[in-house]
N, C-alpha and C. Protein backbone atom coordinates (compact mmCIF):
# COMPACT_ATOMS: atom_id res chain seq x y z
N UNK A 1 80.54 74.57 81.01
CA UNK A 1 80.37 75.85 81.69
C UNK A 1 81.49 76.78 81.24
N UNK A 2 81.17 78.01 80.97
CA UNK A 2 82.13 78.98 80.45
C UNK A 2 82.92 79.69 81.56
N UNK A 3 82.44 79.75 82.76
CA UNK A 3 83.14 80.45 83.82
C UNK A 3 82.54 81.82 84.10
N UNK A 4 83.11 82.48 85.08
CA UNK A 4 82.63 83.80 85.49
C UNK A 4 83.28 84.86 84.61
N UNK A 5 82.47 85.76 84.09
CA UNK A 5 82.98 86.84 83.24
C UNK A 5 83.59 87.93 84.12
N UNK A 6 84.74 88.46 83.69
CA UNK A 6 85.37 89.53 84.46
C UNK A 6 85.69 90.75 83.59
N UNK A 7 85.67 90.58 82.27
CA UNK A 7 85.99 91.68 81.36
C UNK A 7 85.22 91.45 80.07
N UNK A 8 84.46 92.46 79.61
CA UNK A 8 83.65 92.31 78.41
C UNK A 8 83.51 93.65 77.71
N UNK A 9 83.94 93.73 76.46
CA UNK A 9 83.83 94.95 75.64
C UNK A 9 84.34 96.19 76.37
N UNK A 10 85.47 96.07 77.03
CA UNK A 10 86.07 97.20 77.72
C UNK A 10 85.50 97.49 79.09
N UNK A 11 84.56 96.70 79.52
CA UNK A 11 83.94 96.89 80.83
C UNK A 11 84.48 95.84 81.80
N UNK A 12 84.84 96.26 82.99
CA UNK A 12 85.25 95.33 84.04
C UNK A 12 84.00 94.91 84.79
N UNK A 13 83.86 93.62 85.01
CA UNK A 13 82.67 93.08 85.65
C UNK A 13 83.09 92.26 86.86
N UNK A 14 82.49 92.56 88.00
CA UNK A 14 82.76 91.76 89.21
C UNK A 14 81.43 91.33 89.81
N UNK A 15 81.43 90.12 90.35
CA UNK A 15 80.22 89.56 90.93
C UNK A 15 80.47 89.24 92.40
N UNK A 16 79.48 89.51 93.21
CA UNK A 16 79.56 89.20 94.63
C UNK A 16 78.15 88.86 95.11
N UNK A 17 78.02 88.42 96.34
CA UNK A 17 76.67 88.16 96.87
C UNK A 17 75.78 89.40 96.86
N UNK A 18 76.39 90.59 96.88
CA UNK A 18 75.61 91.84 96.86
C UNK A 18 75.11 92.20 95.47
N UNK A 19 75.69 91.61 94.42
CA UNK A 19 75.23 91.91 93.07
C UNK A 19 76.35 91.87 92.05
N UNK A 20 76.05 92.35 90.86
CA UNK A 20 77.01 92.43 89.76
C UNK A 20 77.38 93.89 89.58
N UNK A 21 78.68 94.16 89.50
CA UNK A 21 79.17 95.53 89.41
C UNK A 21 79.98 95.71 88.13
N UNK A 22 79.71 96.80 87.42
CA UNK A 22 80.38 97.10 86.16
C UNK A 22 81.07 98.45 86.30
N UNK A 23 82.34 98.52 85.85
CA UNK A 23 83.03 99.81 85.86
C UNK A 23 84.02 99.87 84.71
N UNK A 24 84.55 101.05 84.47
CA UNK A 24 85.51 101.29 83.40
C UNK A 24 86.81 101.89 83.95
N UNK A 25 87.19 101.52 85.15
CA UNK A 25 88.38 102.13 85.75
C UNK A 25 89.64 101.83 84.95
N UNK A 26 89.76 100.64 84.39
CA UNK A 26 90.95 100.30 83.59
C UNK A 26 91.04 101.23 82.38
N UNK A 27 89.92 101.43 81.68
CA UNK A 27 89.90 102.31 80.52
C UNK A 27 90.22 103.75 80.92
N UNK A 28 89.67 104.19 82.03
CA UNK A 28 89.92 105.56 82.50
C UNK A 28 91.39 105.75 82.83
N UNK A 29 92.00 104.79 83.53
CA UNK A 29 93.42 104.89 83.87
C UNK A 29 94.31 104.86 82.64
N UNK A 30 93.97 104.02 81.65
CA UNK A 30 94.73 103.98 80.40
C UNK A 30 94.63 105.31 79.66
N UNK A 31 93.45 105.93 79.67
CA UNK A 31 93.26 107.23 79.01
C UNK A 31 94.08 108.32 79.70
N UNK A 32 94.09 108.32 81.03
CA UNK A 32 94.88 109.30 81.77
C UNK A 32 96.36 109.14 81.46
N UNK A 33 96.82 107.91 81.39
CA UNK A 33 98.23 107.65 81.09
C UNK A 33 98.57 108.08 79.66
N UNK A 34 97.67 107.80 78.72
CA UNK A 34 97.89 108.15 77.31
C UNK A 34 98.14 109.64 77.12
N UNK A 35 97.43 110.48 77.88
CA UNK A 35 97.54 111.92 77.72
C UNK A 35 98.37 112.59 78.82
N UNK A 36 99.08 111.79 79.61
CA UNK A 36 100.01 112.35 80.59
C UNK A 36 99.38 112.91 81.85
N UNK A 37 98.21 112.40 82.22
CA UNK A 37 97.52 112.90 83.41
C UNK A 37 97.48 111.89 84.55
N UNK A 38 98.29 110.84 84.49
CA UNK A 38 98.19 109.80 85.50
C UNK A 38 98.61 110.25 86.90
N UNK A 39 99.36 111.33 87.01
CA UNK A 39 99.79 111.80 88.33
C UNK A 39 98.93 112.94 88.87
N UNK A 40 97.84 113.27 88.19
CA UNK A 40 96.97 114.36 88.64
C UNK A 40 96.09 113.90 89.80
N UNK A 41 95.75 114.84 90.66
CA UNK A 41 94.85 114.56 91.78
C UNK A 41 93.40 114.70 91.31
N UNK A 42 92.53 113.76 91.69
CA UNK A 42 91.12 113.87 91.30
C UNK A 42 90.41 114.98 92.07
N UNK A 43 89.44 115.60 91.42
CA UNK A 43 88.60 116.62 92.05
C UNK A 43 87.16 116.39 91.62
N UNK A 44 86.22 116.88 92.42
CA UNK A 44 84.81 116.71 92.08
C UNK A 44 84.40 117.54 90.88
N UNK A 45 84.75 118.81 90.87
CA UNK A 45 84.45 119.71 89.77
C UNK A 45 85.74 120.42 89.38
N UNK A 46 86.22 120.22 88.16
CA UNK A 46 87.52 120.78 87.79
C UNK A 46 87.58 122.30 87.70
N UNK A 47 86.46 122.96 87.58
CA UNK A 47 86.49 124.42 87.51
C UNK A 47 85.16 125.01 87.96
N UNK A 48 85.18 126.25 88.29
CA UNK A 48 83.98 126.95 88.74
C UNK A 48 82.99 127.04 87.57
N UNK A 49 81.74 126.79 87.84
CA UNK A 49 80.72 126.89 86.81
C UNK A 49 80.55 128.35 86.38
N UNK A 50 80.34 128.54 85.09
CA UNK A 50 80.09 129.85 84.49
C UNK A 50 81.20 130.86 84.77
N UNK A 51 82.43 130.39 84.87
CA UNK A 51 83.53 131.34 85.07
C UNK A 51 83.94 131.94 83.72
N UNK A 52 84.45 133.15 83.75
CA UNK A 52 84.91 133.82 82.54
C UNK A 52 86.41 133.59 82.41
N UNK A 53 86.81 133.00 81.30
CA UNK A 53 88.21 132.71 81.06
C UNK A 53 88.85 133.82 80.25
N UNK A 54 90.02 134.24 80.66
CA UNK A 54 90.77 135.25 79.92
C UNK A 54 91.73 134.56 78.95
N UNK A 55 92.05 135.25 77.88
CA UNK A 55 93.00 134.71 76.90
C UNK A 55 94.39 134.64 77.53
N UNK A 56 95.07 133.53 77.31
CA UNK A 56 96.44 133.35 77.81
C UNK A 56 97.39 133.80 76.71
N UNK A 57 97.78 135.06 76.75
CA UNK A 57 98.60 135.64 75.67
C UNK A 57 100.03 135.12 75.67
N UNK A 58 100.49 134.58 76.79
CA UNK A 58 101.85 134.07 76.87
C UNK A 58 101.90 132.54 76.79
N UNK A 59 100.77 131.91 76.66
CA UNK A 59 100.72 130.45 76.63
C UNK A 59 101.21 129.89 75.30
N UNK A 60 101.49 128.60 75.30
CA UNK A 60 101.95 127.96 74.08
C UNK A 60 100.75 127.46 73.27
N UNK A 61 100.96 127.31 71.98
CA UNK A 61 99.90 126.85 71.08
C UNK A 61 99.53 125.41 71.42
N UNK A 62 98.27 125.09 71.22
CA UNK A 62 97.76 123.75 71.50
C UNK A 62 97.50 123.04 70.18
N UNK A 63 97.90 121.77 70.12
CA UNK A 63 97.64 120.96 68.93
C UNK A 63 96.16 120.56 68.94
N UNK A 64 95.36 121.06 68.01
CA UNK A 64 93.92 120.76 68.01
C UNK A 64 93.61 119.27 67.94
N UNK A 65 94.40 118.49 67.20
CA UNK A 65 94.12 117.06 67.08
C UNK A 65 94.34 116.34 68.41
N UNK A 66 95.33 116.78 69.17
CA UNK A 66 95.58 116.19 70.49
C UNK A 66 94.40 116.49 71.42
N UNK A 67 93.93 117.73 71.40
CA UNK A 67 92.79 118.13 72.23
C UNK A 67 91.54 117.34 71.83
N UNK A 68 91.28 117.22 70.53
CA UNK A 68 90.11 116.47 70.06
C UNK A 68 90.20 115.01 70.49
N UNK A 69 91.41 114.46 70.49
CA UNK A 69 91.60 113.08 70.93
C UNK A 69 91.23 112.90 72.38
N UNK A 70 91.63 113.85 73.22
CA UNK A 70 91.29 113.77 74.65
C UNK A 70 89.79 113.86 74.85
N UNK A 71 89.14 114.78 74.16
CA UNK A 71 87.69 114.94 74.29
C UNK A 71 86.97 113.70 73.77
N UNK A 72 87.44 113.15 72.66
CA UNK A 72 86.84 111.94 72.11
C UNK A 72 86.97 110.76 73.05
N UNK A 73 88.11 110.65 73.71
CA UNK A 73 88.32 109.57 74.67
C UNK A 73 87.31 109.69 75.80
N UNK A 74 87.06 110.88 76.26
CA UNK A 74 86.09 111.11 77.34
C UNK A 74 84.69 110.69 76.87
N UNK A 75 84.36 111.03 75.63
CA UNK A 75 83.05 110.67 75.10
C UNK A 75 82.87 109.16 74.95
N UNK A 76 83.93 108.47 74.53
CA UNK A 76 83.86 107.03 74.38
C UNK A 76 83.63 106.36 75.72
N UNK A 77 84.27 106.86 76.77
CA UNK A 77 84.12 106.27 78.10
C UNK A 77 82.67 106.37 78.55
N UNK A 78 82.03 107.48 78.26
CA UNK A 78 80.66 107.68 78.71
C UNK A 78 79.63 106.93 77.89
N UNK A 79 79.99 106.50 76.69
CA UNK A 79 79.00 105.85 75.84
C UNK A 79 78.71 104.41 76.24
N UNK A 80 79.63 103.76 76.96
CA UNK A 80 79.43 102.37 77.32
C UNK A 80 78.54 102.16 78.53
N UNK A 81 78.60 103.08 79.47
CA UNK A 81 77.80 102.96 80.69
C UNK A 81 77.31 104.33 81.11
N UNK A 82 76.35 104.33 81.97
CA UNK A 82 75.84 105.59 82.53
C UNK A 82 75.94 105.52 84.04
N UNK A 83 76.14 106.67 84.70
CA UNK A 83 76.24 106.66 86.17
C UNK A 83 74.94 106.25 86.83
């Protein structure tokens, strides 16, 4: 007998009498830590839908590769499971 599976291909798996549950909380927490967001408060919707954003003329430049990495991480998380 191989035993009860608890982690497979980045997915956390837990079993109980109510069923089998799969989540990616470990991956999500690692991603938040990687990009310095581990101390942020969660919200349901991060911004108002269809809002008009103004240019931040005094803001600092953003590293495009860092931004692409964050977006890619979000995409990878969603590709393994669906809500």
